[in-house]
């Protein structure tokens, strides 16, 4: 009985492999062509909306979000097409330097942790300007701009980074490792909406921490001691009770009000 000969995978393999490679090459070429067209459109968009990108923080944020999927980074260099046209790389470099100055100047008070809101408030009080802004106007910059600037600083080392604490974003300018326990203590101290009933925003006692978290004495003490040792908290004795104050938190509450008033004007 005659058997039909089956086509072996080894015999058909090279043919299909070659076809697959051709299809892959076509797909890659098509994708690259599409990206190039989108980059051209992005450049045209940037030229058309140059002033909005430079002076409107919300517009600038959306523009950077448009750039990201294409691998375009207008922040990467002060030179080249994007640097020469928009200057936002230079803007973020200048902003990063000014943010670092604020962080360094306040480190003795807050131990190297400060809210983005407080930094913005300090810069606004100084009337900080940037070179790409029109000379008669201050550059507008948002909290998101400051966070982006800190991202540039983080690449240089030195411990600069941002961390979320409750409803706030904090800038940490020291290499100290802060774990979830430390963040939780600061979140309780924040208590701006009275959720934890700690009394005044910006302070906690060991009892407050144990009551809210259910931690034992050792865990509570370990978290508070590190924050105290690094200068991120101050210790005060009130009616025989140890109270831990967090300057980065209670200062933020004041500065949020100042920023809101300035934004309204």
Protein backbone atom coordinates (compact mmCIF):
# COMPACT_ATOMS: atom_id res chain seq x y z
CA UNK A 1 0.00 0.00 0.00
CA UNK A 2 1.45 3.29 -1.08
CA UNK A 3 1.80 5.99 1.57
CA UNK A 4 1.61 9.67 0.75
CA UNK A 5 4.83 11.39 1.63
CA UNK A 6 4.43 14.08 4.29
CA UNK A 7 6.16 17.35 3.85
CA UNK A 8 8.69 17.60 6.65
CA UNK A 9 9.02 20.66 8.80
CA UNK A 10 12.72 20.75 8.01
CA UNK A 11 12.03 20.91 4.26
CA UNK A 12 9.39 23.68 4.55
CA UNK A 13 11.15 25.59 7.31
CA UNK A 14 13.58 27.75 5.30
CA UNK A 15 10.83 28.91 2.95
CA UNK A 16 8.53 30.00 5.76
CA UNK A 17 11.41 31.52 7.71
CA UNK A 18 12.39 33.65 4.73
CA UNK A 19 8.79 34.80 4.23
CA UNK A 20 8.47 35.64 7.91
CA UNK A 21 11.64 37.70 7.79
CA UNK A 22 10.37 39.59 4.73
CA UNK A 23 7.07 40.34 6.47
CA UNK A 24 8.92 41.44 9.60
CA UNK A 25 11.14 43.76 7.57
CA UNK A 26 8.10 45.29 5.85
CA UNK A 27 6.32 45.76 9.18
CA UNK A 28 9.37 47.38 10.75
CA UNK A 29 9.85 49.68 7.79
CA UNK A 30 6.19 50.66 7.89
CA UNK A 31 6.34 51.31 11.63
CA UNK A 32 9.45 53.46 11.28
CA UNK A 33 7.84 55.43 8.49
CA UNK A 34 4.75 56.01 10.66
CA UNK A 35 6.88 57.18 13.60
CA UNK A 36 8.84 59.55 11.35
CA UNK A 37 5.59 61.07 10.06
CA UNK A 38 4.31 61.48 13.63
CA UNK A 39 7.59 63.13 14.66
CA UNK A 40 7.23 65.62 11.80
CA UNK A 41 3.66 66.38 12.90
CA UNK A 42 4.86 66.71 16.50
CA UNK A 43 7.54 69.19 15.44
CA UNK A 44 4.98 71.21 13.46
CA UNK A 45 2.67 71.17 16.49
CA UNK A 46 5.52 72.37 18.74
CA UNK A 47 6.38 75.24 16.37
CA UNK A 48 2.74 76.31 16.21
CA UNK A 49 2.21 76.16 19.96
CA UNK A 50 5.66 77.22 21.15
CA UNK A 51 4.41 79.97 23.47
CA UNK A 52 1.77 77.77 25.06
CA UNK A 53 4.35 75.02 25.70
CA UNK A 54 6.74 77.51 27.29
CA UNK A 55 4.29 79.44 29.44
CA UNK A 56 1.33 77.15 30.21
CA UNK A 57 2.21 74.33 32.68
CA UNK A 58 -0.89 72.26 31.84
CA UNK A 59 -0.24 72.55 28.08
CA UNK A 60 3.44 71.70 28.64
CA UNK A 61 2.51 68.57 30.59
CA UNK A 62 0.20 67.37 27.80
CA UNK A 63 2.89 68.05 25.20
CA UNK A 64 5.45 65.94 27.10
CA UNK A 65 2.87 63.15 27.34
CA UNK A 66 2.50 63.32 23.55
CA UNK A 67 6.27 63.04 23.10
CA UNK A 68 6.81 60.03 25.36
CA UNK A 69 5.27 57.27 23.16
CA UNK A 70 7.46 58.40 20.23
CA UNK A 71 10.65 58.30 22.27
CA UNK A 72 11.09 62.05 21.83
CA UNK A 73 12.61 63.72 24.90
CA UNK A 74 12.71 67.54 24.61
CA UNK A 75 14.27 67.59 28.09
CA UNK A 76 17.31 65.50 27.23
CA UNK A 77 19.47 68.30 25.87
CA UNK A 78 19.63 72.06 25.69
CA UNK A 79 21.05 71.76 22.17
CA UNK A 80 19.68 70.28 18.99
CA UNK A 81 16.32 70.81 17.32
CA UNK A 82 14.08 70.59 20.41
CA UNK A 83 16.45 72.52 22.66
CA UNK A 84 16.88 75.36 20.18
CA UNK A 85 13.20 75.58 19.31
CA UNK A 86 11.53 75.24 22.71
CA UNK A 87 14.21 75.66 25.35
CA UNK A 88 12.26 73.53 27.80
CA UNK A 89 15.28 71.33 28.48
CA UNK A 90 17.06 74.47 29.68
CA UNK A 91 13.95 75.46 31.65
CA UNK A 92 13.85 72.18 33.54
CA UNK A 93 17.60 72.36 34.15
CA UNK A 94 17.23 75.83 35.68
CA UNK A 95 14.20 74.73 37.69
CA UNK A 96 16.08 71.67 38.97
CA UNK A 97 18.94 73.89 40.18
CA UNK A 98 16.54 76.23 41.99
CA UNK A 99 14.65 73.32 43.55
CA UNK A 100 17.96 71.86 44.77
CA UNK A 101 18.88 75.23 46.30
CA UNK A 102 15.61 75.32 48.25
CA UNK A 103 16.07 71.73 49.43
CA UNK A 104 19.64 72.37 50.61
CA UNK A 105 18.75 75.64 52.35
CA UNK A 106 15.89 74.02 54.29
CA UNK A 107 17.64 70.75 55.17
CA UNK A 108 18.66 71.87 58.66
CA UNK A 109 15.00 72.55 59.41
CA UNK A 110 13.30 69.53 57.82
CA UNK A 111 16.02 66.88 57.62
CA UNK A 112 15.97 66.74 53.83
CA UNK A 113 12.28 66.16 53.16
CA UNK A 114 10.05 68.96 51.90
CA UNK A 115 6.73 69.08 50.09
CA UNK A 116 6.48 70.09 46.45
CA UNK A 117 3.88 72.65 47.53
CA UNK A 118 6.32 74.32 49.92
CA UNK A 119 9.07 74.43 47.30
CA UNK A 120 6.71 76.03 44.79
CA UNK A 121 5.57 78.56 47.39
CA UNK A 122 9.18 79.55 48.19
CA UNK A 123 10.04 79.97 44.50
CA UNK A 124 6.91 82.04 43.91
CA UNK A 125 7.72 84.32 46.84
CA UNK A 126 11.17 84.86 45.33
CA UNK A 127 9.59 85.81 42.01
CA UNK A 128 11.75 83.22 40.25
CA UNK A 129 12.13 83.80 36.49
CA UNK A 130 13.58 81.63 33.75
CA UNK A 131 15.55 82.60 30.70
CA UNK A 132 13.06 81.38 28.13
CA UNK A 133 10.24 83.47 29.62
CA UNK A 134 9.44 86.91 28.35
CA UNK A 135 11.39 89.40 30.41
CA UNK A 136 8.28 91.16 31.65
CA UNK A 137 6.64 87.97 32.86
CA UNK A 138 7.54 85.28 35.35
CA UNK A 139 7.49 81.76 33.97
CA UNK A 140 4.51 79.74 35.06
CA UNK A 141 5.42 76.41 36.58
CA UNK A 142 3.31 73.78 38.27
CA UNK A 143 3.86 71.07 40.84
CA UNK A 144 4.21 68.63 37.92
CA UNK A 145 7.04 70.78 36.49
CA UNK A 146 8.85 70.60 39.84
CA UNK A 147 8.39 66.82 40.00
CA UNK A 148 9.82 66.54 36.45
CA UNK A 149 12.78 68.71 37.47
CA UNK A 150 13.47 66.48 40.49
CA UNK A 151 13.49 63.54 38.07
CA UNK A 152 16.44 65.20 36.30
CA UNK A 153 18.19 65.66 39.67
CA UNK A 154 17.64 62.02 40.61
CA UNK A 155 19.78 60.94 37.64
CA UNK A 156 22.71 62.81 39.16
CA UNK A 157 22.54 60.85 42.42
CA UNK A 158 22.69 62.45 45.85
CA UNK A 159 19.39 60.95 46.99
CA UNK A 160 17.03 63.34 45.20
CA UNK A 161 13.64 61.73 44.56
CA UNK A 162 9.92 62.27 45.11
CA UNK A 163 7.66 60.19 47.34
CA UNK A 164 3.92 60.25 47.89
CA UNK A 165 2.84 60.76 51.48
CA UNK A 166 -0.92 60.66 51.85
CA UNK A 167 -2.28 63.38 49.59
CA UNK A 168 1.08 65.10 49.15
CA UNK A 169 4.21 64.64 47.07
CA UNK A 170 7.41 65.11 49.04
CA UNK A 171 10.92 65.78 47.73
CA UNK A 172 13.60 63.79 49.54
CA UNK A 173 17.12 65.20 49.12
CA UNK A 174 19.08 62.75 51.29
CA UNK A 175 20.03 59.12 50.58
CA UNK A 176 18.20 57.90 53.71
CA UNK A 177 15.98 54.93 52.92
CA UNK A 178 12.42 55.56 54.06
CA UNK A 179 10.15 52.54 54.21
CA UNK A 180 6.36 52.23 54.34
CA UNK A 181 6.33 52.61 58.12
CA UNK A 182 7.98 56.03 57.92
CA UNK A 183 5.55 57.09 55.18
CA UNK A 184 2.61 55.90 57.27
CA UNK A 185 3.75 57.94 60.29
CA UNK A 186 4.00 61.08 58.14
CA UNK A 187 0.61 60.35 56.60
CA UNK A 188 -0.91 60.21 60.09
CA UNK A 189 0.83 63.49 60.96
CA UNK A 190 -0.61 65.04 57.81
CA UNK A 191 -4.20 64.23 58.80
CA UNK A 192 -5.47 67.38 57.07
CA UNK A 193 -9.03 66.04 56.92
CA UNK A 194 -9.13 64.94 60.57
CA UNK A 195 -9.46 61.27 59.62
CA UNK A 196 -7.19 60.07 62.44
CA UNK A 197 -8.23 62.60 65.08
CA UNK A 198 -4.65 63.48 66.00
CA UNK A 199 -5.53 67.07 66.76
CA UNK A 200 -3.26 69.56 64.99
CA UNK A 201 -1.94 68.78 61.51
CA UNK A 202 1.81 68.20 61.38
CA UNK A 203 2.22 66.38 64.68
CA UNK A 204 1.72 62.92 66.20
CA UNK A 205 2.38 61.12 69.43
CA UNK A 206 3.47 57.51 69.77
CA UNK A 207 -0.02 56.77 71.09
CA UNK A 208 -1.54 58.26 67.91
CA UNK A 209 0.61 55.98 65.75
CA UNK A 210 -0.19 52.85 67.80
CA UNK A 211 -3.91 53.66 67.84
CA UNK A 212 -4.17 54.21 64.09
CA UNK A 213 -1.86 51.42 62.91
CA UNK A 214 -2.16 48.77 65.61
CA UNK A 215 1.65 48.51 65.76
CA UNK A 216 3.43 47.40 68.91
CA UNK A 217 5.73 49.71 70.91
CA UNK A 218 8.93 48.48 69.25
CA UNK A 219 7.74 49.04 65.68
CA UNK A 220 6.33 52.46 66.54
CA UNK A 221 9.54 53.55 68.28
CA UNK A 222 11.73 52.30 65.42
CA UNK A 223 9.83 54.36 62.84
CA UNK A 224 9.72 57.52 64.97
CA UNK A 225 13.36 57.26 66.07
CA UNK A 226 14.73 57.21 62.52
CA UNK A 227 12.65 60.23 61.50
CA UNK A 228 13.81 62.00 64.65
CA UNK A 229 17.48 61.06 64.20
CA UNK A 230 17.51 62.29 60.57
CA UNK A 231 15.98 65.62 61.55
CA UNK A 232 12.73 64.96 59.67
CA UNK A 233 10.83 65.23 62.94
CA UNK A 234 11.23 67.39 66.04
CA UNK A 235 10.52 66.16 69.55
CA UNK A 236 8.53 68.28 71.98
CA UNK A 237 7.43 67.45 75.52
CA UNK A 238 3.89 68.67 76.19
CA UNK A 239 2.17 67.94 79.52
CA UNK A 240 4.46 64.96 80.01
CA UNK A 241 3.71 63.51 76.54
CA UNK A 242 6.26 63.25 73.72
CA UNK A 243 4.97 64.97 70.59
CA UNK A 244 6.67 64.54 67.22
CA UNK A 245 6.40 67.53 64.89
CA UNK A 246 7.02 67.24 61.14
CA UNK A 247 8.08 70.62 59.69
CA UNK A 248 7.64 69.40 56.10
CA UNK A 249 3.99 68.64 56.86
CA UNK A 250 2.81 71.58 58.94
CA UNK A 251 4.77 74.01 56.77
CA UNK A 252 3.02 72.57 53.73
CA UNK A 253 -0.42 73.35 55.16
CA UNK A 254 0.57 77.02 55.46
CA UNK A 255 2.15 77.20 52.02
CA UNK A 256 -0.79 75.54 50.26
CA UNK A 257 -2.92 78.47 51.42
CA UNK A 258 -0.31 80.97 50.17
CA UNK A 259 -0.10 79.29 46.75
CA UNK A 260 -3.89 79.28 46.38
CA UNK A 261 -4.04 83.01 47.12
CA UNK A 262 -1.26 83.72 44.59
CA UNK A 263 -2.90 81.53 41.95
CA UNK A 264 -6.16 83.45 42.38
CA UNK A 265 -4.30 86.65 41.57
